[in-house]
Protein backbone atom coordinates (compact mmCIF):
# COMPACT_ATOMS: atom_id res chain seq x y z
CA MET A 1 -4.63 -4.62 -76.58
CA ALA A 2 -3.99 -0.64 -76.53
CA VAL A 3 -5.19 1.47 -73.51
CA PRO A 4 -8.53 1.50 -73.15
CA PRO A 5 -9.27 5.04 -73.52
CA ARG A 6 -11.10 5.01 -70.51
CA LEU A 7 -8.07 4.89 -68.23
CA LEU A 8 -6.40 7.77 -69.33
CA HIS A 9 -6.82 11.43 -67.73
CA ASP A 10 -8.08 13.68 -69.63
CA GLY A 11 -5.36 15.42 -71.96
CA GLU A 12 -3.07 12.47 -71.43
CA GLU A 13 -0.47 10.86 -74.13
CA VAL A 14 0.52 7.69 -74.39
CA VAL A 15 4.36 7.45 -75.27
CA VAL A 16 5.13 3.48 -74.91
CA ASP A 17 2.80 0.43 -75.39
CA LEU A 18 4.33 -2.42 -75.18
CA ARG A 19 3.72 -6.57 -73.96
CA PRO A 20 6.47 -8.33 -72.33
CA HIS A 21 9.27 -9.42 -74.50
CA TRP A 22 8.22 -12.41 -76.59
CA THR A 23 10.78 -14.95 -74.70
CA SER A 24 8.30 -14.92 -71.88
CA PHE A 25 6.34 -17.76 -73.56
CA ALA A 26 9.45 -18.93 -75.88
CA GLY A 27 9.62 -22.11 -73.63
CA ALA A 28 6.32 -23.47 -73.89
CA ALA A 29 6.20 -22.84 -77.91
CA ALA A 30 9.70 -25.00 -77.74
CA VAL A 31 7.84 -27.69 -75.15
CA LEU A 32 5.08 -27.73 -77.89
CA ALA A 33 6.80 -27.76 -80.90
CA ALA A 34 9.08 -31.13 -79.71
CA ALA A 35 5.99 -32.48 -78.53
CA LEU A 36 4.10 -32.31 -81.88
CA GLY A 37 7.53 -33.72 -82.92
CA VAL A 38 7.50 -36.43 -81.25
CA LEU A 39 4.36 -37.18 -82.06
CA SER A 40 4.69 -36.93 -85.68
CA ALA A 41 7.29 -39.02 -85.85
CA LEU A 42 5.22 -41.97 -83.73
CA ALA A 43 2.68 -41.29 -86.23
CA ALA A 44 4.39 -41.69 -89.23
CA ALA A 45 6.82 -44.75 -87.48
CA ALA A 46 3.57 -46.11 -86.84
CA ALA A 47 4.91 -46.73 -83.36
CA PRO A 48 2.70 -48.84 -80.94
CA GLU A 49 -0.92 -47.62 -80.08
CA LEU A 50 0.19 -46.99 -76.29
CA LEU A 51 3.06 -45.02 -77.14
CA GLN A 52 1.28 -42.88 -79.96
CA LEU A 53 -1.94 -42.03 -76.98
CA LEU A 54 1.24 -40.90 -74.24
CA ALA A 55 2.69 -39.16 -76.64
CA ALA A 56 -0.66 -37.10 -77.70
CA GLY A 57 -1.69 -36.96 -73.85
CA ALA A 58 2.21 -35.27 -73.65
CA THR A 59 1.49 -32.59 -76.42
CA LEU A 60 -2.29 -31.80 -74.92
CA VAL A 61 -0.53 -30.62 -71.84
CA ALA A 62 2.34 -28.43 -73.67
CA LEU A 63 -0.66 -26.98 -75.86
CA VAL A 64 -2.14 -26.58 -72.59
CA GLY A 65 0.64 -24.94 -71.12
CA PHE A 66 1.23 -22.85 -74.32
CA SER A 67 -1.84 -21.72 -73.83
CA VAL A 68 -1.64 -20.66 -70.04
CA SER A 69 1.97 -18.87 -71.41
CA TYR A 70 0.79 -16.67 -74.30
CA SER A 71 -2.80 -16.13 -72.46
CA ARG A 72 -0.51 -14.42 -69.59
CA TRP A 73 1.88 -12.76 -72.12
CA ALA A 74 -1.11 -11.58 -74.48
CA SER A 75 -2.93 -9.82 -71.20
CA THR A 76 0.20 -8.20 -69.71
CA LYS A 77 0.62 -4.36 -70.68
CA LEU A 78 3.49 -1.81 -69.77
CA VAL A 79 2.43 1.54 -70.78
CA LEU A 80 3.99 4.86 -70.12
CA THR A 81 1.96 8.14 -70.83
CA ASP A 82 3.44 11.73 -69.91
CA ASP A 83 1.91 11.63 -66.54
CA ARG A 84 2.47 8.25 -65.36
CA LEU A 85 3.82 4.38 -65.96
CA LEU A 86 0.93 1.76 -65.37
CA HIS A 87 0.97 -2.25 -65.36
CA ARG A 88 -2.09 -4.29 -66.29
CA ARG A 89 -2.07 -7.91 -66.21
CA GLY A 90 -4.44 -10.59 -66.28
CA LEU A 91 -7.58 -12.65 -67.88
CA LEU A 92 -9.83 -13.71 -65.36
CA VAL A 93 -8.19 -11.42 -62.26
CA LYS A 94 -6.79 -8.20 -62.95
CA GLU A 95 -4.70 -6.51 -61.70
CA SER A 96 -3.33 -3.08 -62.19
CA LEU A 97 -0.09 -1.05 -60.83
CA GLU A 98 -0.18 2.86 -61.74
CA ILE A 99 2.75 4.70 -60.76
CA PRO A 100 2.34 8.41 -61.22
CA LEU A 101 5.66 9.83 -62.19
CA ASP A 102 6.71 12.57 -60.14
CA ARG A 103 6.21 9.96 -57.34
CA VAL A 104 9.24 8.01 -59.43
CA HIS A 105 13.00 8.53 -57.57
CA ALA A 106 14.72 6.22 -59.76
CA VAL A 107 14.81 3.96 -62.62
CA ARG A 108 17.24 0.99 -63.63
CA HIS A 109 17.98 -1.50 -66.22
CA ARG A 110 19.69 -4.83 -66.54
CA ARG A 111 20.30 -7.15 -69.39
CA THR A 112 22.29 -10.33 -69.36
CA VAL A 113 24.02 -11.40 -72.23
CA LEU A 114 21.17 -13.63 -74.00
CA GLY A 115 19.09 -10.58 -73.03
CA ARG A 116 21.51 -7.71 -74.88
CA LEU A 117 21.66 -10.24 -77.84
CA LEU A 118 17.32 -10.48 -77.86
CA ARG A 119 16.92 -7.19 -76.84
CA TYR A 120 15.19 -7.77 -73.76
CA GLY A 121 16.13 -7.23 -69.42
CA GLU A 122 14.00 -6.26 -66.14
CA LEU A 123 13.01 -2.57 -65.61
CA VAL A 124 13.40 -1.60 -62.36
CA VAL A 125 11.28 1.51 -60.92
CA GLU A 126 11.53 2.79 -57.57
CA THR A 127 9.37 5.12 -55.98
CA GLY A 128 10.49 5.81 -52.40
CA ASP A 129 10.37 3.18 -50.21
CA ASP A 130 8.77 0.84 -52.97
CA ARG A 131 10.84 -0.77 -56.04
CA HIS A 132 8.87 -2.27 -59.19
CA ARG A 133 10.59 -5.04 -61.34
CA PHE A 134 9.20 -5.87 -64.87
CA HIS A 135 10.45 -8.68 -67.15
CA PRO A 136 11.01 -9.31 -69.74
CA VAL A 137 10.42 -6.13 -70.96
CA PRO A 138 11.30 -5.30 -74.51
CA ARG A 139 14.41 -2.64 -75.41
CA PRO A 140 14.38 -1.93 -71.48
CA VAL A 141 17.40 0.52 -72.26
CA ALA A 142 15.25 2.49 -74.50
CA VAL A 143 12.12 2.50 -72.12
CA HIS A 144 14.44 3.63 -69.47
CA HIS A 145 15.63 6.53 -71.51
CA GLU A 146 11.96 7.28 -72.49
CA ILE A 147 10.91 7.26 -68.58
CA SER A 148 14.05 9.69 -67.91
CA ARG A 149 12.83 12.12 -70.88
CA GLN A 150 9.24 12.54 -69.51
CA LEU A 151 10.35 12.65 -65.94
CA THR A 152 12.84 15.50 -67.76
CA SER A 153 10.38 17.20 -69.66
CA ARG A 154 7.68 17.33 -66.54
CA GLU A 155 10.45 19.12 -64.40
CA ARG A 156 11.17 21.61 -67.17
CA ARG A 157 6.76 22.21 -67.43
CA GLY A 158 7.14 22.50 -63.27
CA VAL A 159 4.63 19.79 -63.25
CA ARG A 160 3.93 18.95 -59.65
CA GLY A 161 1.67 15.98 -58.30
């Protein structure tokens, strides 16, 4: 899901366009895989029909949970342009946040040990009194550096809001 051109200003260029890290739906995928494994094992072992029906019901619930998690992941974007930071999410109810780069006062990132291993973390963007947290962001260090690079580039060009 690329950024629709209608959302970009004239001459605005996309610098970074990404979805949340895949770990945002990994737990639901693991539960679904486990439910499918149990269902398959019960069917192969010719377990009592009631037990198989319960496992099938649990698998259906796991499938719905995975579908919701995956849809949430697929409908969420964090986009950095040379002018602003956009955060869009939602399938049925769309939510959008737009932060002009000239309002950004500070950018930070935070990564846990697991986040460093899997290359994800939290990105925090401060705009005056507001603090916006984005998690889980893939490659947060690179995104942080790119935001800083865009801010520095704007200052050198003398761009103001």
